[in-house]
């Protein structure tokens, strides 16, 4: 059995190696201009200038929606390496990301989501009315886990309850030319490109190849600089003008991360498959 000390050593070594590898890759990767914004109202002029041959892409988490519960924001900087190390020591059998998938799927299923800006449905519906294709481009997996049999449908239904739908002029498809992850490929489902935790630029390229759609311009909103660069590279390879907006409103949301609360939430989640929201946590 993997001891906590061995697990901690492996985790620290992996983090150091990952940071060094990422730094080396960045040194040799071209960059594409990124425009930071905190509200979609800052882009009104750009969106007003688009036509039916344009393509608008939105990430979902922390770009359209956010989770009020701090731990449900899994990509937040609050989940520092030393907190993950603490979790590893407390839950040594949860050494790999795969081992966390099932309990975290219950958190994903039960934790509430809210619109990050109340005007988002109106913004997207206005683009629909102008016949401008609007798609999601999300890292979300295309399979399922735990209480969620199909992540794309679960996310579609969640967004629909908040008034968000995407263009369905393109038929659902599986991008089988791209690598598999957890036995599934990236997909297009009901207007959402689900990258299945892969390079978003490669998924966009596969979509354009499959549909034959050649947009005159691409506008992409994401809270991840890495994802923005991936899409920038894909557009550059095809000589498609693009505008990359780094959406940063999530950084300003008043989410307070508490290590004691998060540890108790995870322990309860693993034992009972039940998520305790921050508001319901017994202080």
Protein backbone atom coordinates (compact mmCIF):
# COMPACT_ATOMS: atom_id res chain seq x y z
CA UNK A 1 0.00 0.00 0.00
CA UNK A 2 1.21 3.49 -0.78
CA UNK A 3 2.28 5.19 2.45
CA UNK A 4 1.43 8.86 3.07
CA UNK A 5 5.12 9.76 3.11
CA UNK A 6 5.77 8.08 -0.24
CA UNK A 7 2.66 9.63 -1.72
CA UNK A 8 3.73 13.07 -0.53
CA UNK A 9 7.19 12.64 -2.03
CA UNK A 10 5.77 11.57 -5.37
CA UNK A 11 3.32 14.48 -5.39
CA UNK A 12 6.01 17.08 -4.67
CA UNK A 13 8.33 15.57 -7.30
CA UNK A 14 5.53 15.59 -9.85
CA UNK A 15 4.68 19.21 -9.13
CA UNK A 16 8.30 20.33 -9.52
CA UNK A 17 8.72 18.38 -12.76
CA UNK A 18 5.43 19.75 -14.11
CA UNK A 19 6.39 23.34 -13.38
CA UNK A 20 9.79 22.96 -15.04
CA UNK A 21 8.29 21.24 -18.08
CA UNK A 22 5.62 23.92 -18.45
CA UNK A 23 8.27 26.66 -18.22
CA UNK A 24 10.39 25.02 -20.92
CA UNK A 25 7.39 24.64 -23.21
CA UNK A 26 6.36 28.26 -22.73
CA UNK A 27 9.83 29.47 -23.69
CA UNK A 28 9.45 27.83 -27.09
CA UNK A 29 5.77 28.56 -27.79
CA UNK A 30 4.58 31.60 -29.78
CA UNK A 31 2.03 33.76 -27.99
CA UNK A 32 -1.08 35.46 -29.32
CA UNK A 33 -2.54 38.77 -28.10
CA UNK A 34 -4.97 38.46 -25.21
CA UNK A 35 -7.37 41.17 -24.03
CA UNK A 36 -8.26 41.06 -20.31
CA UNK A 37 -11.86 41.97 -19.40
CA UNK A 38 -14.02 41.85 -16.29
CA UNK A 39 -17.40 42.29 -17.98
CA UNK A 40 -18.91 41.40 -21.33
CA UNK A 41 -20.09 44.98 -21.65
CA UNK A 42 -16.46 45.85 -22.44
CA UNK A 43 -16.85 43.91 -25.71
CA UNK A 44 -20.07 45.43 -27.01
CA UNK A 45 -18.38 47.15 -29.94
CA UNK A 46 -16.63 43.94 -30.99
CA UNK A 47 -19.79 41.83 -30.76
CA UNK A 48 -21.82 44.48 -32.59
CA UNK A 49 -19.36 44.32 -35.50
CA UNK A 50 -19.80 40.57 -36.11
CA UNK A 51 -21.77 39.03 -38.96
CA UNK A 52 -23.24 35.62 -39.79
CA UNK A 53 -19.85 34.31 -40.92
CA UNK A 54 -18.29 34.97 -37.53
CA UNK A 55 -17.96 32.40 -34.73
CA UNK A 56 -18.32 33.23 -31.03
CA UNK A 57 -17.00 30.74 -28.48
CA UNK A 58 -17.53 30.75 -24.70
CA UNK A 59 -15.86 28.69 -22.04
CA UNK A 60 -18.40 27.79 -19.32
CA UNK A 61 -16.96 27.48 -15.81
CA UNK A 62 -15.84 30.84 -14.41
CA UNK A 63 -16.76 32.43 -17.75
CA UNK A 64 -20.54 31.97 -17.93
CA UNK A 65 -21.21 30.26 -14.60
CA UNK A 66 -19.59 30.08 -11.20
CA UNK A 67 -20.03 27.97 -8.09
CA UNK A 68 -20.69 29.99 -4.91
CA UNK A 69 -19.15 27.17 -2.85
CA UNK A 70 -15.40 27.73 -2.68
CA UNK A 71 -14.27 24.13 -3.11
CA UNK A 72 -16.50 23.66 -6.15
CA UNK A 73 -14.23 26.15 -7.95
CA UNK A 74 -11.69 23.42 -8.59
CA UNK A 75 -9.41 25.53 -10.77
CA UNK A 76 -9.09 28.34 -8.25
CA UNK A 77 -5.60 29.26 -7.03
CA UNK A 78 -6.90 28.54 -3.49
CA UNK A 79 -6.31 24.84 -4.19
CA UNK A 80 -2.60 25.26 -3.63
CA UNK A 81 -0.15 22.40 -3.84
CA UNK A 82 0.24 22.26 -0.09
CA UNK A 83 -3.52 21.95 0.41
CA UNK A 84 -3.55 19.09 -2.08
CA UNK A 85 -0.65 17.57 -0.15
CA UNK A 86 -2.68 17.86 3.05
CA UNK A 87 -5.59 16.09 1.33
CA UNK A 88 -3.27 13.36 0.12
CA UNK A 89 -2.02 12.73 3.64
CA UNK A 90 -5.58 12.58 4.95
CA UNK A 91 -6.91 10.47 2.05
CA UNK A 92 -3.86 8.45 0.88
CA UNK A 93 -5.95 6.17 -1.37
CA UNK A 94 -6.93 9.25 -3.42
CA UNK A 95 -3.48 9.64 -4.92
CA UNK A 96 -4.47 10.05 -8.57
CA UNK A 97 -6.91 12.37 -10.30
CA UNK A 98 -8.87 9.30 -11.37
CA UNK A 99 -9.34 8.27 -7.75
CA UNK A 100 -11.01 11.61 -7.06
CA UNK A 101 -13.32 11.48 -10.08
CA UNK A 102 -16.21 9.62 -8.48
CA UNK A 103 -16.50 11.63 -5.22
CA UNK A 104 -15.98 14.92 -7.04
CA UNK A 105 -18.69 14.00 -9.55
CA UNK A 106 -21.16 14.10 -6.64
CA UNK A 107 -19.94 17.57 -5.76
CA UNK A 108 -20.32 18.66 -9.39
CA UNK A 109 -23.82 17.22 -9.49
CA UNK A 110 -25.04 18.77 -6.24
CA UNK A 111 -23.15 22.06 -5.85
CA UNK A 112 -25.22 25.07 -7.05
CA UNK A 113 -24.19 27.22 -10.03
CA UNK A 114 -25.05 30.83 -10.80
CA UNK A 115 -24.66 33.16 -13.75
CA UNK A 116 -21.45 35.11 -13.42
CA UNK A 117 -23.22 38.11 -15.03
CA UNK A 118 -27.03 38.35 -15.14
CA UNK A 119 -27.00 39.78 -18.68
CA UNK A 120 -25.34 36.73 -20.25
CA UNK A 121 -28.54 35.03 -21.54
CA UNK A 122 -29.63 38.26 -23.21
CA UNK A 123 -26.19 38.71 -24.78
CA UNK A 124 -26.20 35.18 -26.25
CA UNK A 125 -29.84 35.39 -27.38
CA UNK A 126 -29.07 38.63 -29.20
CA UNK A 127 -26.29 36.86 -31.10
CA UNK A 128 -28.73 34.04 -31.94
CA UNK A 129 -31.23 36.57 -33.31
CA UNK A 130 -28.51 37.94 -35.59
CA UNK A 131 -27.81 34.38 -36.86
CA UNK A 132 -24.26 34.45 -35.50
CA UNK A 133 -23.06 30.96 -34.49
CA UNK A 134 -22.45 30.75 -30.74
CA UNK A 135 -20.85 27.64 -29.28
CA UNK A 136 -19.45 26.59 -25.94
CA UNK A 137 -15.84 25.44 -25.93
CA UNK A 138 -15.32 23.76 -22.60
CA UNK A 139 -12.69 21.41 -21.17
CA UNK A 140 -15.46 19.22 -19.75
CA UNK A 141 -15.25 15.49 -20.31
CA UNK A 142 -17.58 13.89 -22.83
CA UNK A 143 -18.34 10.74 -20.86
CA UNK A 144 -19.86 10.42 -17.42
CA UNK A 145 -19.09 9.48 -13.84
CA UNK A 146 -20.97 8.69 -10.64
CA UNK A 147 -24.39 10.37 -10.62
CA UNK A 148 -23.77 12.05 -13.99
CA UNK A 149 -24.11 9.48 -16.80
CA UNK A 150 -23.38 12.01 -19.55
CA UNK A 151 -21.53 15.24 -18.73
CA UNK A 152 -22.55 17.08 -21.94
CA UNK A 153 -26.29 16.53 -21.35
CA UNK A 154 -25.97 17.37 -17.66
CA UNK A 155 -24.27 20.65 -18.55
CA UNK A 156 -26.78 21.43 -21.33
CA UNK A 157 -29.69 21.02 -18.91
CA UNK A 158 -27.98 23.14 -16.25
CA UNK A 159 -27.32 25.97 -18.69
CA UNK A 160 -30.86 25.80 -20.06
CA UNK A 161 -32.33 26.33 -16.59
CA UNK A 162 -30.28 29.56 -16.44
CA UNK A 163 -31.48 30.71 -19.87
CA UNK A 164 -28.38 29.79 -21.90
CA UNK A 165 -28.52 27.78 -25.12
CA UNK A 166 -26.02 27.45 -27.95
CA UNK A 167 -26.35 27.20 -31.72
CA UNK A 168 -27.58 23.82 -32.92
CA UNK A 169 -27.10 24.40 -36.66
CA UNK A 170 -24.20 21.92 -36.53
CA UNK A 171 -25.06 18.27 -35.96
CA UNK A 172 -23.81 16.48 -32.86
CA UNK A 173 -20.64 14.55 -33.59
CA UNK A 174 -17.76 12.66 -32.02
CA UNK A 175 -14.25 13.70 -33.03
CA UNK A 176 -12.81 10.22 -33.30
CA UNK A 177 -9.61 11.48 -34.96
CA UNK A 178 -8.60 13.04 -31.64
CA UNK A 179 -7.14 10.98 -28.77
CA UNK A 180 -9.37 9.24 -26.28
CA UNK A 181 -9.43 10.03 -22.57
CA UNK A 182 -11.27 7.74 -20.17
CA UNK A 183 -12.60 5.82 -23.17
CA UNK A 184 -14.23 8.81 -24.86
CA UNK A 185 -13.32 11.32 -27.56
CA UNK A 186 -14.07 15.07 -27.61
CA UNK A 187 -17.56 15.77 -28.94
CA UNK A 188 -19.89 18.44 -30.21
CA UNK A 189 -23.16 18.11 -28.31
CA UNK A 190 -26.09 20.52 -28.67
CA UNK A 191 -23.81 23.41 -29.53
CA UNK A 192 -21.14 22.63 -26.94
CA UNK A 193 -17.64 21.58 -27.96
CA UNK A 194 -16.54 19.34 -25.09
CA UNK A 195 -12.76 19.08 -25.30
CA UNK A 196 -12.58 16.12 -22.91
CA UNK A 197 -9.66 17.73 -21.03
CA UNK A 198 -7.66 18.10 -24.25
CA UNK A 199 -6.21 21.03 -26.22
CA UNK A 200 -9.11 23.35 -27.08
CA UNK A 201 -7.38 24.52 -30.24
CA UNK A 202 -7.19 20.97 -31.58
CA UNK A 203 -10.87 20.44 -30.81
CA UNK A 204 -11.81 23.67 -32.59
CA UNK A 205 -9.72 22.58 -35.59
CA UNK A 206 -11.42 19.18 -35.65
CA UNK A 207 -14.82 20.92 -35.58
CA UNK A 208 -13.91 23.20 -38.49
CA UNK A 209 -12.57 20.25 -40.49
CA UNK A 210 -15.67 18.18 -39.83
CA UNK A 211 -18.22 20.87 -40.65
CA UNK A 212 -16.31 22.67 -43.40
CA UNK A 213 -17.23 25.93 -41.68
CA UNK A 214 -14.68 28.66 -42.43
CA UNK A 215 -15.45 31.59 -40.10
CA UNK A 216 -14.38 35.05 -41.16
CA UNK A 217 -13.50 35.80 -37.54
CA UNK A 218 -13.40 33.94 -34.22
CA UNK A 219 -14.12 35.58 -30.87
CA UNK A 220 -13.29 33.47 -27.82
CA UNK A 221 -13.92 34.11 -24.11
CA UNK A 222 -12.14 32.03 -21.47
CA UNK A 223 -10.73 32.46 -17.99
CA UNK A 224 -7.74 30.28 -18.92
CA UNK A 225 -4.78 31.91 -20.67
CA UNK A 226 -3.62 28.47 -21.78
CA UNK A 227 -6.91 27.74 -23.54
CA UNK A 228 -6.85 31.16 -25.19
CA UNK A 229 -3.37 30.48 -26.56
CA UNK A 230 -4.47 27.07 -27.85
CA UNK A 231 -7.32 28.62 -29.81
CA UNK A 232 -5.08 31.46 -30.97
CA UNK A 233 -2.63 28.92 -32.38
CA UNK A 234 -5.42 26.99 -34.14
CA UNK A 235 -6.73 30.15 -35.77
CA UNK A 236 -3.22 31.27 -36.77
CA UNK A 237 -2.61 27.95 -38.54
CA UNK A 238 -5.74 28.59 -40.61
CA UNK A 239 -5.17 32.33 -41.09
CA UNK A 240 -8.46 33.07 -39.32
CA UNK A 241 -8.54 36.45 -37.56
CA UNK A 242 -9.39 35.98 -33.90
CA UNK A 243 -9.91 38.03 -30.77
CA UNK A 244 -9.03 36.34 -27.48
CA UNK A 245 -10.66 37.72 -24.34
CA UNK A 246 -9.31 36.72 -20.94
CA UNK A 247 -12.42 36.86 -18.76
CA UNK A 248 -11.35 37.68 -15.20
CA UNK A 249 -14.55 38.48 -13.34
CA UNK A 250 -14.35 35.21 -11.39
CA UNK A 251 -11.20 36.48 -9.68
CA UNK A 252 -13.25 39.27 -8.09
CA UNK A 253 -16.05 37.10 -6.72
CA UNK A 254 -16.25 37.04 -2.91
CA UNK A 255 -15.44 33.36 -2.42
CA UNK A 256 -13.67 32.60 0.87
CA UNK A 257 -11.72 29.35 0.93
CA UNK A 258 -11.49 27.66 4.35
CA UNK A 259 -9.17 24.65 4.70
CA UNK A 260 -11.01 23.25 7.71
CA UNK A 261 -14.37 23.49 5.95
CA UNK A 262 -13.03 22.03 2.70
CA UNK A 263 -11.49 19.07 4.52
CA UNK A 264 -14.77 18.34 6.30
CA UNK A 265 -16.73 18.71 3.05
CA UNK A 266 -14.47 16.21 1.28
CA UNK A 267 -14.60 13.72 4.16
CA UNK A 268 -18.41 13.86 4.20
CA UNK A 269 -18.51 13.63 0.39
CA UNK A 270 -16.36 10.50 0.31
CA UNK A 271 -18.31 8.80 3.09
CA UNK A 272 -21.88 9.78 2.20
CA UNK A 273 -21.75 10.89 -1.47
CA UNK A 274 -23.42 14.08 -0.33
CA UNK A 275 -22.20 17.65 -0.82
CA UNK A 276 -22.48 20.12 2.09
CA UNK A 277 -22.64 23.65 0.72
CA UNK A 278 -20.67 26.44 2.35
CA UNK A 279 -23.89 28.00 3.69
CA UNK A 280 -24.92 24.73 5.33
CA UNK A 281 -21.53 23.90 6.80
CA UNK A 282 -21.76 23.86 10.64
CA UNK A 283 -19.39 26.58 11.80
